[in-house]
Amino acid sequence: MLTIDQATYDAIVAHAKRDHPDEACGVVAGPEGSDRPERFIEMVNAAGSPTFYEFDSGDLLRLYREMDDNDEEPVVVYHSHTATEAYPSRTDIGLASEPHAHYVLVSTREHGNNEGPVEFRSYRIVDGEVTEEEVTVVDQLPAPTPMTESSV
């Protein structure tokens, strides 16, 4: 299950609507091993395409170095579909290289960049296997549980 705060959910949806008719893409980083999507990072779709997304290799390298420096990992990898449902394509499945990440897809096919609901779905993609998961949107993520000696 993906638990995401309302502000991050809204930021992902706003990015998808703003970039329509091209696909939008980005990452939400969180502390390593936490499964907490905390830091929203909007990326540029280097492909500039309505049917395909591609992270700019230089931007992606900088992002991974930054996450490494901050002891973070990609908790959510998101992109939008502009003309199809929010389900991973064969290309999306082939590009899924983060086995612990939640792959979020937002479909803007119904309303484009106008007001109106979007389809927002999350998947785990491991070794080509796609599993849809429940998405829970909360006002804010609960405070992290501090590590104690007994929990180590």
Foldseek 3Di string as FASTA:
>chain_A
DQEAAPVLVVVQVLQCQVLPLAKWWWFFKDAPPPLYRDRTDTFDQPVSHSADGDGDPVVVVVVVVVCVVVNMDGQEIEMEHEADAFDDDQVNLVPPDDQNHKYWYWYNPPPRNDDDDIHIWIWGRDPSDTDTDDYHYHNDDDDDDDDDPVND
